[in-house]
PDB file of N, CA and C in Angstrom:
ATOM      1  N   MET A   1     -21.347  83.031-137.129  1.00  0.00           N
ATOM      2  CA  MET A   1     -20.126  83.609-136.509  1.00  0.00           C
ATOM      3  C   MET A   1     -18.906  83.226-137.464  1.00  0.00           C
ATOM      4  N   ASP A   2     -18.024  83.800-137.869  1.00  0.00           N
ATOM      5  CA  ASP A   2     -16.868  83.396-138.184  1.00  0.00           C
ATOM      6  C   ASP A   2     -15.711  83.002-137.629  1.00  0.00           C
ATOM      7  N   ARG A   3     -15.768  82.049-136.949  1.00  0.00           N
ATOM      8  CA  ARG A   3     -14.501  81.787-136.136  1.00  0.00           C
ATOM      9  C   ARG A   3     -13.421  81.052-136.824  1.00  0.00           C
ATOM     10  N   PRO A   4     -12.167  81.109-136.551  1.00  0.00           N
ATOM     11  CA  PRO A   4     -11.015  80.417-137.074  1.00  0.00           C
ATOM     12  C   PRO A   4     -11.172  78.887-136.824  1.00  0.00           C
ATOM     13  N   PRO A   5     -10.228  78.373-137.778  1.00  0.00           N
ATOM     14  CA  PRO A   5     -10.292  76.743-137.958  1.00  0.00           C
ATOM     15  C   PRO A   5      -9.841  76.257-136.432  1.00  0.00           C
ATOM     16  N   GLY A   6      -9.311  76.978-135.445  1.00  0.00           N
ATOM     17  CA  GLY A   6      -8.693  76.308-134.183  1.00  0.00           C
ATOM     18  C   GLY A   6      -9.858  75.910-133.398  1.00  0.00           C
ATOM     19  N   ALA A   7     -11.009  77.257-133.625  1.00  0.00           N
ATOM     20  CA  ALA A   7     -11.884  77.289-132.921  1.00  0.00           C
ATOM     21  C   ALA A   7     -12.849  76.113-133.247  1.00  0.00           C
ATOM     22  N   GLN A   8     -12.853  75.812-134.461  1.00  0.00           N
ATOM     23  CA  GLN A   8     -13.767  74.742-134.802  1.00  0.00           C
ATOM     24  C   GLN A   8     -13.436  73.460-134.168  1.00  0.00           C
ATOM     25  N   ARG A   9     -12.231  73.040-133.837  1.00  0.00           N
ATOM     26  CA  ARG A   9     -11.980  71.705-133.171  1.00  0.00           C
ATOM     27  C   ARG A   9     -11.899  71.888-131.756  1.00  0.00           C
ATOM     28  N   LEU A  10     -12.175  72.870-131.153  1.00  0.00           N
ATOM     29  CA  LEU A  10     -12.468  72.952-129.716  1.00  0.00           C
ATOM     30  C   LEU A  10     -13.931  72.104-129.206  1.00  0.00           C
ATOM     31  N   PRO A  11     -15.017  72.049-130.268  1.00  0.00           N
ATOM     32  CA  PRO A  11     -16.242  71.700-129.449  1.00  0.00           C
ATOM     33  C   PRO A  11     -16.315  70.370-128.541  1.00  0.00           C
ATOM     34  N   ALA A  12     -15.115  69.445-128.955  1.00  0.00           N
ATOM     35  CA  ALA A  12     -15.016  68.398-128.122  1.00  0.00           C
ATOM     36  C   ALA A  12     -14.513  68.679-126.857  1.00  0.00           C
ATOM     37  N   ALA A  13     -13.487  69.583-126.586  1.00  0.00           N
ATOM     38  CA  ALA A  13     -13.128  70.106-125.617  1.00  0.00           C
ATOM     39  C   ALA A  13     -14.379  70.739-124.574  1.00  0.00           C
ATOM     40  N   VAL A  14     -15.087  71.713-125.524  1.00  0.00           N
ATOM     41  CA  VAL A  14     -16.274  72.421-124.476  1.00  0.00           C
ATOM     42  C   VAL A  14     -17.185  71.406-123.975  1.00  0.00           C
ATOM     43  N   ARG A  15     -17.573  70.427-124.836  1.00  0.00           N
ATOM     44  CA  ARG A  15     -18.272  69.014-124.134  1.00  0.00           C
ATOM     45  C   ARG A  15     -17.804  68.546-123.093  1.00  0.00           C
ATOM     46  N   ALA A  16     -16.533  68.427-122.988  1.00  0.00           N
ATOM     47  CA  ALA A  16     -15.955  67.929-122.117  1.00  0.00           C
ATOM     48  C   ALA A  16     -15.524  68.624-120.820  1.00  0.00           C
ATOM     49  N   GLY A  17     -16.034  69.862-120.908  1.00  0.00           N
ATOM     50  CA  GLY A  17     -15.737  70.682-119.731  1.00  0.00           C
ATOM     51  C   GLY A  17     -14.721  71.586-119.632  1.00  0.00           C
ATOM     52  N   LEU A  18     -13.834  71.356-120.721  1.00  0.00           N
ATOM     53  CA  LEU A  18     -12.409  72.112-120.961  1.00  0.00           C
ATOM     54  C   LEU A  18     -12.049  72.867-122.140  1.00  0.00           C
ATOM     55  N   GLY A  19     -13.123  73.255-122.770  1.00  0.00           N
ATOM     56  CA  GLY A  19     -12.840  74.390-123.789  1.00  0.00           C
ATOM     57  C   GLY A  19     -13.024  75.521-123.138  1.00  0.00           C
ATOM     58  N   ALA A  20     -12.376  76.775-123.704  1.00  0.00           N
ATOM     59  CA  ALA A  20     -12.318  77.765-123.025  1.00  0.00           C
ATOM     60  C   ALA A  20     -12.146  78.958-124.256  1.00  0.00           C
ATOM     61  N   GLN A  21     -12.725  80.333-123.962  1.00  0.00           N
ATOM     62  CA  GLN A  21     -12.515  81.451-124.923  1.00  0.00           C
ATOM     63  C   GLN A  21     -12.558  82.660-124.245  1.00  0.00           C
ATOM     64  N   ARG A  22     -12.153  83.644-125.026  1.00  0.00           N
ATOM     65  CA  ARG A  22     -12.434  84.798-124.930  1.00  0.00           C
ATOM     66  C   ARG A  22     -12.408  85.622-126.342  1.00  0.00           C
ATOM     67  N   GLU A  23     -13.501  86.338-126.100  1.00  0.00           N
ATOM     68  CA  GLU A  23     -13.905  87.034-127.271  1.00  0.00           C
ATOM     69  C   GLU A  23     -13.955  88.444-127.563  1.00  0.00           C
ATOM     70  N   ALA A  24     -13.718  89.131-128.466  1.00  0.00           N
ATOM     71  CA  ALA A  24     -13.762  90.752-128.562  1.00  0.00           C
ATOM     72  C   ALA A  24     -14.965  91.047-129.614  1.00  0.00           C
ATOM     73  N   TRP A  25     -16.074  91.445-129.265  1.00  0.00           N
ATOM     74  CA  TRP A  25     -17.167  92.125-130.097  1.00  0.00           C
ATOM     75  C   TRP A  25     -17.128  93.434-130.358  1.00  0.00           C
ATOM     76  N   ALA A  26     -17.907  93.918-131.858  1.00  0.00           N
ATOM     77  CA  ALA A  26     -17.958  95.255-132.035  1.00  0.00           C
ATOM     78  C   ALA A  26     -19.174  95.748-131.460  1.00  0.00           C
ATOM     79  N   PRO A  27     -19.290  96.714-131.174  1.00  0.00           N
ATOM     80  CA  PRO A  27     -20.707  97.467-130.926  1.00  0.00           C
ATOM     81  C   PRO A  27     -21.844  97.256-131.717  1.00  0.00           C
ATOM     82  N   ASP A  28     -21.510  96.972-133.177  1.00  0.00           N
ATOM     83  CA  ASP A  28     -22.591  96.459-133.908  1.00  0.00           C
ATOM     84  C   ASP A  28     -22.802  94.620-133.723  1.00  0.00           C
ATOM     85  N   ASN A  29     -22.230  94.155-132.813  1.00  0.00           N
ATOM     86  CA  ASN A  29     -22.485  92.814-132.610  1.00  0.00           C
ATOM     87  C   ASN A  29     -21.661  91.888-133.400  1.00  0.00           C
ATOM     88  N   ARG A  30     -20.725  92.032-133.863  1.00  0.00           N
ATOM     89  CA  ARG A  30     -19.692  91.294-134.725  1.00  0.00           C
ATOM     90  C   ARG A  30     -18.870  90.894-134.005  1.00  0.00           C
ATOM     91  N   LEU A  31     -18.306  89.566-133.943  1.00  0.00           N
ATOM     92  CA  LEU A  31     -17.233  88.953-133.713  1.00  0.00           C
ATOM     93  C   LEU A  31     -16.203  89.473-134.260  1.00  0.00           C
ATOM     94  N   VAL A  32     -14.954  90.082-133.723  1.00  0.00           N
ATOM     95  CA  VAL A  32     -14.061  90.852-134.346  1.00  0.00           C
ATOM     96  C   VAL A  32     -12.489  90.170-133.830  1.00  0.00           C
ATOM     97  N   GLY A  33     -12.534  89.354-132.947  1.00  0.00           N
ATOM     98  CA  GLY A  33     -11.282  88.779-132.654  1.00  0.00           C
ATOM     99  C   GLY A  33     -11.395  87.898-131.097  1.00  0.00           C
ATOM    100  N   GLY A  34     -10.371  86.997-130.881  1.00  0.00           N
ATOM    101  CA  GLY A  34     -10.718  86.058-129.775  1.00  0.00           C
ATOM    102  C   GLY A  34      -9.864  85.295-129.688  1.00  0.00           C
ATOM    103  N   LEU A  35      -9.645  84.631-128.629  1.00  0.00           N
ATOM    104  CA  LEU A  35      -8.423  83.444-128.274  1.00  0.00           C
ATOM    105  C   LEU A  35      -9.400  82.352-127.997  1.00  0.00           C
ATOM    106  N   TYR A  36      -9.113  80.924-128.109  1.00  0.00           N
ATOM    107  CA  TYR A  36      -9.510  79.886-127.703  1.00  0.00           C
ATOM    108  C   TYR A  36      -8.651  78.786-127.252  1.00  0.00           C
ATOM    109  N   GLY A  37      -8.782  78.040-126.381  1.00  0.00           N
ATOM    110  CA  GLY A  37      -8.183  77.147-125.761  1.00  0.00           C
ATOM    111  C   GLY A  37      -8.655  76.123-124.925  1.00  0.00           C
ATOM    112  N   VAL A  38      -7.967  75.658-124.054  1.00  0.00           N
ATOM    113  CA  VAL A  38      -8.253  74.672-122.922  1.00  0.00           C
ATOM    114  C   VAL A  38      -7.836  75.009-121.888  1.00  0.00           C
ATOM    115  N   ALA A  39      -8.932  74.899-120.923  1.00  0.00           N
ATOM    116  CA  ALA A  39      -8.710  75.238-119.554  1.00  0.00           C
ATOM    117  C   ALA A  39      -8.750  73.896-118.645  1.00  0.00           C
ATOM    118  N   ILE A  40      -7.649  73.884-118.175  1.00  0.00           N
ATOM    119  CA  ILE A  40      -8.067  72.593-116.580  1.00  0.00           C
ATOM    120  C   ILE A  40      -7.426  73.225-115.486  1.00  0.00           C
ATOM    121  N   GLY A  41      -8.367  73.379-114.304  1.00  0.00           N
ATOM    122  CA  GLY A  41      -7.864  73.722-113.095  1.00  0.00           C
ATOM    123  C   GLY A  41      -7.562  75.261-113.301  1.00  0.00           C
ATOM    124  N   GLY A  42      -6.279  75.164-112.695  1.00  0.00           N
ATOM    125  CA  GLY A  42      -5.626  76.969-113.079  1.00  0.00           C
ATOM    126  C   GLY A  42      -4.776  77.150-114.311  1.00  0.00           C
ATOM    127  N   PHE A  43      -5.028  76.086-115.334  1.00  0.00           N
ATOM    128  CA  PHE A  43      -4.230  76.125-116.376  1.00  0.00           C
ATOM    129  C   PHE A  43      -4.790  76.639-117.723  1.00  0.00           C
ATOM    130  N   PHE A  44      -4.591  77.388-118.389  1.00  0.00           N
ATOM    131  CA  PHE A  44      -5.304  77.712-119.747  1.00  0.00           C
ATOM    132  C   PHE A  44      -3.860  77.742-120.998  1.00  0.00           C
ATOM    133  N   ALA A  45      -4.103  76.826-121.678  1.00  0.00           N
ATOM    134  CA  ALA A  45      -3.228  76.459-122.827  1.00  0.00           C
ATOM    135  C   ALA A  45      -4.102  77.030-124.144  1.00  0.00           C
ATOM    136  N   GLY A  46      -3.292  78.045-124.724  1.00  0.00           N
ATOM    137  CA  GLY A  46      -4.093  78.887-125.804  1.00  0.00           C
ATOM    138  C   GLY A  46      -3.549  77.893-127.081  1.00  0.00           C
ATOM    139  N   GLU A  47      -4.903  77.942-127.898  1.00  0.00           N
ATOM    140  CA  GLU A  47      -4.894  77.221-128.993  1.00  0.00           C
ATOM    141  C   GLU A  47      -4.940  77.713-130.514  1.00  0.00           C
ATOM    142  N   SER A  48      -5.633  79.055-130.278  1.00  0.00           N
ATOM    143  CA  SER A  48      -6.042  79.686-131.391  1.00  0.00           C
ATOM    144  C   SER A  48      -6.382  81.334-131.221  1.00  0.00           C
ATOM    145  N   MET A  49      -5.481  82.114-132.075  1.00  0.00           N
ATOM    146  CA  MET A  49      -5.973  83.582-131.815  1.00  0.00           C
ATOM    147  C   MET A  49      -6.411  84.136-133.126  1.00  0.00           C
ATOM    148  N   PHE A  50      -7.256  84.872-133.281  1.00  0.00           N
ATOM    149  CA  PHE A  50      -7.418  85.690-134.362  1.00  0.00           C
ATOM    150  C   PHE A  50      -8.079  87.001-134.187  1.00  0.00           C
ATOM    151  N   HIS A  51      -8.038  87.815-135.413  1.00  0.00           N
ATOM    152  CA  HIS A  51      -8.642  89.001-135.503  1.00  0.00           C
ATOM    153  C   HIS A  51      -9.207  89.274-136.857  1.00  0.00           C
ATOM    154  N   HIS A  52     -10.363  90.063-136.931  1.00  0.00           N
ATOM    155  CA  HIS A  52     -10.961  90.392-137.982  1.00  0.00           C
ATOM    156  C   HIS A  52     -10.748  91.832-138.184  1.00  0.00           C
ATOM    157  N   GLU A  53     -10.297  92.584-136.968  1.00  0.00           N
ATOM    158  CA  GLU A  53     -10.143  94.107-136.888  1.00  0.00           C
ATOM    159  C   GLU A  53      -8.850  94.378-136.386  1.00  0.00           C
ATOM    160  N   ARG A  54      -7.835  95.032-136.380  1.00  0.00           N
ATOM    161  CA  ARG A  54      -6.813  95.239-135.715  1.00  0.00           C
ATOM    162  C   ARG A  54      -6.637  95.440-134.314  1.00  0.00           C
ATOM    163  N   ASP A  55      -5.849  94.503-133.854  1.00  0.00           N
ATOM    164  CA  ASP A  55      -5.537  94.332-132.291  1.00  0.00           C
ATOM    165  C   ASP A  55      -6.509  93.744-131.648  1.00  0.00           C
ATOM    166  N   ALA A  56      -7.888  93.335-132.309  1.00  0.00           N
ATOM    167  CA  ALA A  56      -9.054  92.494-131.646  1.00  0.00           C
ATOM    168  C   ALA A  56      -8.458  91.456-130.690  1.00  0.00           C
ATOM    169  N   SER A  57      -7.602  90.905-131.289  1.00  0.00           N
ATOM    170  CA  SER A  57      -7.097  89.688-130.514  1.00  0.00           C
ATOM    171  C   SER A  57      -6.615  89.869-129.231  1.00  0.00           C
ATOM    172  N   LYS A  58      -5.823  91.168-129.351  1.00  0.00           N
ATOM    173  CA  LYS A  58      -4.939  91.423-128.200  1.00  0.00           C
ATOM    174  C   LYS A  58      -6.103  91.828-127.143  1.00  0.00           C
ATOM    175  N   VAL A  59      -7.169  92.537-127.497  1.00  0.00           N
ATOM    176  CA  VAL A  59      -8.398  92.745-126.367  1.00  0.00           C
ATOM    177  C   VAL A  59      -8.655  91.920-125.719  1.00  0.00           C
ATOM    178  N   ALA A  60      -9.084  90.507-126.633  1.00  0.00           N
ATOM    179  CA  ALA A  60      -9.416  89.460-125.854  1.00  0.00           C
ATOM    180  C   ALA A  60      -8.239  88.612-124.957  1.00  0.00           C
ATOM    181  N   LEU A  61      -6.812  89.034-125.089  1.00  0.00           N
ATOM    182  CA  LEU A  61      -5.666  88.484-124.637  1.00  0.00           C
ATOM    183  C   LEU A  61      -5.860  89.238-122.942  1.00  0.00           C
ATOM    184  N   VAL A  62      -6.386  90.408-122.965  1.00  0.00           N
ATOM    185  CA  VAL A  62      -6.310  91.422-122.073  1.00  0.00           C
ATOM    186  C   VAL A  62      -7.763  90.712-121.196  1.00  0.00           C
ATOM    187  N   ALA A  63      -8.641  90.324-121.841  1.00  0.00           N
ATOM    188  CA  ALA A  63      -9.746  89.897-120.896  1.00  0.00           C
ATOM    189  C   ALA A  63      -9.257  88.397-120.320  1.00  0.00           C
ATOM    190  N   LEU A  64      -8.657  87.831-121.006  1.00  0.00           N
ATOM    191  CA  LEU A  64      -8.048  86.916-120.466  1.00  0.00           C
ATOM    192  C   LEU A  64      -7.019  86.817-119.142  1.00  0.00           C
ATOM    193  N   VAL A  65      -6.193  87.611-119.174  1.00  0.00           N
ATOM    194  CA  VAL A  65      -4.965  87.977-118.431  1.00  0.00           C
ATOM    195  C   VAL A  65      -5.823  88.712-117.250  1.00  0.00           C
ATOM    196  N   GLU A  66      -6.989  89.362-117.119  1.00  0.00           N
ATOM    197  CA  GLU A  66      -7.675  90.245-116.008  1.00  0.00           C
ATOM    198  C   GLU A  66      -8.246  88.975-115.553  1.00  0.00           C
ATOM    199  N   ALA A  67      -8.919  88.064-116.169  1.00  0.00           N
ATOM    200  CA  ALA A  67      -9.611  87.237-115.895  1.00  0.00           C
ATOM    201  C   ALA A  67      -8.835  85.963-114.783  1.00  0.00           C
ATOM    202  N   MET A  68      -7.472  85.927-114.998  1.00  0.00           N
ATOM    203  CA  MET A  68      -6.596  85.036-114.671  1.00  0.00           C
ATOM    204  C   MET A  68      -6.152  85.808-113.242  1.00  0.00           C
ATOM    205  N   ARG A  69      -6.152  87.319-113.516  1.00  0.00           N
ATOM    206  CA  ARG A  69      -5.429  88.050-112.371  1.00  0.00           C
ATOM    207  C   ARG A  69      -6.698  87.910-110.978  1.00  0.00           C
ATOM    208  N   ALA A  70      -7.862  87.715-111.634  1.00  0.00           N
ATOM    209  CA  ALA A  70      -9.095  87.658-110.566  1.00  0.00           C
ATOM    210  C   ALA A  70      -8.976  86.332-109.914  1.00  0.00           C
ATOM    211  N   GLY A  71      -8.026  85.405-110.465  1.00  0.00           N
ATOM    212  CA  GLY A  71      -8.201  84.028-109.527  1.00  0.00           C
ATOM    213  C   GLY A  71      -8.751  82.895-110.490  1.00  0.00           C
ATOM    214  N   GLN A  72      -9.188  83.124-111.769  1.00  0.00           N
ATOM    215  CA  GLN A  72      -9.501  82.026-112.329  1.00  0.00           C
ATOM    216  C   GLN A  72      -8.459  81.126-113.232  1.00  0.00           C
ATOM    217  N   ALA A  73      -7.377  81.681-113.196  1.00  0.00           N
ATOM    218  CA  ALA A  73      -6.052  80.667-113.629  1.00  0.00           C
ATOM    219  C   ALA A  73      -4.790  81.265-113.226  1.00  0.00           C
ATOM    220  N   SER A  74      -3.914  80.554-113.127  1.00  0.00           N
ATOM    221  CA  SER A  74      -2.636  80.898-112.807  1.00  0.00           C
ATOM    222  C   SER A  74      -1.472  80.700-113.691  1.00  0.00           C
ATOM    223  N   LEU A  75      -1.694  79.881-114.717  1.00  0.00           N
ATOM    224  CA  LEU A  75      -0.615  79.222-115.625  1.00  0.00           C
ATOM    225  C   LEU A  75      -1.186  79.532-117.060  1.00  0.00           C
ATOM    226  N   LEU A  76      -0.610  80.392-117.999  1.00  0.00           N
ATOM    227  CA  LEU A  76      -0.929  80.353-119.356  1.00  0.00           C
ATOM    228  C   LEU A  76       0.047  79.970-120.261  1.00  0.00           C
ATOM    229  N   ASP A  77      -0.180  79.141-120.931  1.00  0.00           N
ATOM    230  CA  ASP A  77       0.616  78.239-122.150  1.00  0.00           C
ATOM    231  C   ASP A  77       0.373  78.934-123.146  1.00  0.00           C
ATOM    232  N   VAL A  78       1.756  79.434-123.805  1.00  0.00           N
ATOM    233  CA  VAL A  78       1.472  80.147-125.029  1.00  0.00           C
ATOM    234  C   VAL A  78       2.832  79.565-125.998  1.00  0.00           C
ATOM    235  N   GLN A  79       2.621  79.836-127.432  1.00  0.00           N
ATOM    236  CA  GLN A  79       3.613  79.237-128.282  1.00  0.00           C
ATOM    237  C   GLN A  79       4.690  80.098-128.098  1.00  0.00           C
ATOM    238  N   TRP A  80       4.577  81.441-128.411  1.00  0.00           N
ATOM    239  CA  TRP A  80       5.764  82.157-128.184  1.00  0.00           C
ATOM    240  C   TRP A  80       5.269  83.306-127.420  1.00  0.00           C
ATOM    241  N   VAL A  81       6.296  84.333-126.679  1.00  0.00           N
ATOM    242  CA  VAL A  81       5.891  85.497-125.783  1.00  0.00           C
ATOM    243  C   VAL A  81       6.194  86.477-126.819  1.00  0.00           C
ATOM    244  N   THR A  82       5.329  87.336-126.808  1.00  0.00           N
ATOM    245  CA  THR A  82       5.149  88.242-127.796  1.00  0.00           C
ATOM    246  C   THR A  82       5.563  89.752-126.914  1.00  0.00           C
ATOM    247  N   PRO A  83       5.895  90.767-127.167  1.00  0.00           N
ATOM    248  CA  PRO A  83       6.188  92.023-126.601  1.00  0.00           C
ATOM    249  C   PRO A  83       4.464  92.573-125.925  1.00  0.00           C
ATOM    250  N   HIS A  84       3.676  92.122-126.674  1.00  0.00           N
ATOM    251  CA  HIS A  84       2.048  92.828-125.885  1.00  0.00           C
ATOM    252  C   HIS A  84       2.276  91.678-124.743  1.00  0.00           C
ATOM    253  N   LEU A  85       2.477  90.261-124.886  1.00  0.00           N
ATOM    254  CA  LEU A  85       2.090  89.534-123.919  1.00  0.00           C
ATOM    255  C   LEU A  85       2.822  89.615-122.656  1.00  0.00           C
ATOM    256  N   ALA A  86       4.230  89.972-122.876  1.00  0.00           N
ATOM    257  CA  ALA A  86       5.004  89.960-121.919  1.00  0.00           C
ATOM    258  C   ALA A  86       5.097  91.610-121.243  1.00  0.00           C
ATOM    259  N   SER A  87       4.379  92.428-121.661  1.00  0.00           N
ATOM    260  CA  SER A  87       3.985  93.621-121.122  1.00  0.00           C
ATOM    261  C   SER A  87       2.661  93.449-119.855  1.00  0.00           C
ATOM    262  N   MET A  88       2.296  92.446-120.004  1.00  0.00           N
ATOM    263  CA  MET A  88       1.334  92.058-119.065  1.00  0.00           C
ATOM    264  C   MET A  88       1.456  91.535-117.638  1.00  0.00           C
ATOM    265  N   GLY A  89       2.716  91.212-117.280  1.00  0.00           N
ATOM    266  CA  GLY A  89       3.110  90.955-116.404  1.00  0.00           C
ATOM    267  C   GLY A  89       4.451  89.931-116.211  1.00  0.00           C
ATOM    268  N   ARG A  90       4.608  88.938-115.183  1.00  0.00           N
ATOM    269  CA  ARG A  90       5.437  87.875-115.166  1.00  0.00           C
ATOM    270  C   ARG A  90       5.389  86.858-116.049  1.00  0.00           C
ATOM    271  N   TRP A  91       6.367  86.549-116.746  1.00  0.00           N
ATOM    272  CA  TRP A  91       6.490  85.432-117.654  1.00  0.00           C
ATOM    273  C   TRP A  91       7.748  84.505-117.543  1.00  0.00           C
ATOM    274  N   ARG A  92       7.816  83.243-117.681  1.00  0.00           N
ATOM    275  CA  ARG A  92       9.123  82.593-117.737  1.00  0.00           C
ATOM    276  C   ARG A  92       8.757  81.437-118.848  1.00  0.00           C
ATOM    277  N   SER A  93       9.827  81.419-119.491  1.00  0.00           N
ATOM    278  CA  SER A  93      10.186  80.644-120.575  1.00  0.00           C
ATOM    279  C   SER A  93      10.550  79.142-120.068  1.00  0.00           C
ATOM    280  N   VAL A  94       9.797  78.135-120.542  1.00  0.00           N
ATOM    281  CA  VAL A  94      10.225  76.588-120.175  1.00  0.00           C
ATOM    282  C   VAL A  94      10.387  76.088-121.509  1.00  0.00           C
ATOM    283  N   GLY A  95      11.708  75.514-121.899  1.00  0.00           N
ATOM    284  CA  GLY A  95      12.159  74.878-122.485  1.00  0.00           C
ATOM    285  C   GLY A  95      11.797  73.664-122.627  1.00  0.00           C
ATOM    286  N   ARG A  96      11.990  73.033-124.105  1.00  0.00           N
ATOM    287  CA  ARG A  96      11.674  71.626-124.257  1.00  0.00           C
ATOM    288  C   ARG A  96      12.271  70.565-123.147  1.00  0.00           C
ATOM    289  N   ALA A  97      13.500  70.614-122.753  1.00  0.00           N
ATOM    290  CA  ALA A  97      14.122  69.613-121.810  1.00  0.00           C
ATOM    291  C   ALA A  97      13.334  69.728-120.446  1.00  0.00           C
ATOM    292  N   THR A  98      12.860  70.865-120.107  1.00  0.00           N
ATOM    293  CA  THR A  98      12.277  70.939-118.657  1.00  0.00           C
ATOM    294  C   THR A  98      10.896  70.386-118.919  1.00  0.00           C
ATOM    295  N   THR A  99      10.387  70.470-120.052  1.00  0.00           N
ATOM    296  CA  THR A  99       8.657  69.949-120.142  1.00  0.00           C
ATOM    297  C   THR A  99       8.923  68.206-120.426  1.00  0.00           C
ATOM    298  N   ARG A 100       9.896  67.861-120.896  1.00  0.00           N
ATOM    299  CA  ARG A 100       9.975  66.410-121.111  1.00  0.00           C
ATOM    300  C   ARG A 100      10.479  65.352-119.655  1.00  0.00           C
ATOM    301  N   ARG A 101      10.604  66.323-118.902  1.00  0.00           N
ATOM    302  CA  ARG A 101      10.724  65.669-117.348  1.00  0.00           C
ATOM    303  C   ARG A 101       9.574  64.943-116.595  1.00  0.00           C
TER     304      ARG A 101
END
């Protein structure tokens, strides 16, 4: 499977029980997109998103948000809020000064 460099760094997190992913697969069993990160309790920190077909990473993001809404997590950390992500519900930007407290 052709996973992106960010996913290659996650095996240690997976072995520690912290790695998490959502993947999008085509009907012919090709991996076409996904996102990878670290999950701790109700927190998911995104590490890497990729797509081999248009919008496939967005499909994986929708699957993650649906899982979060089902109670699997309550806080999603992303590097930037895109219009697609913002369309999925509430979000709040936390600046650097806040995170350093």
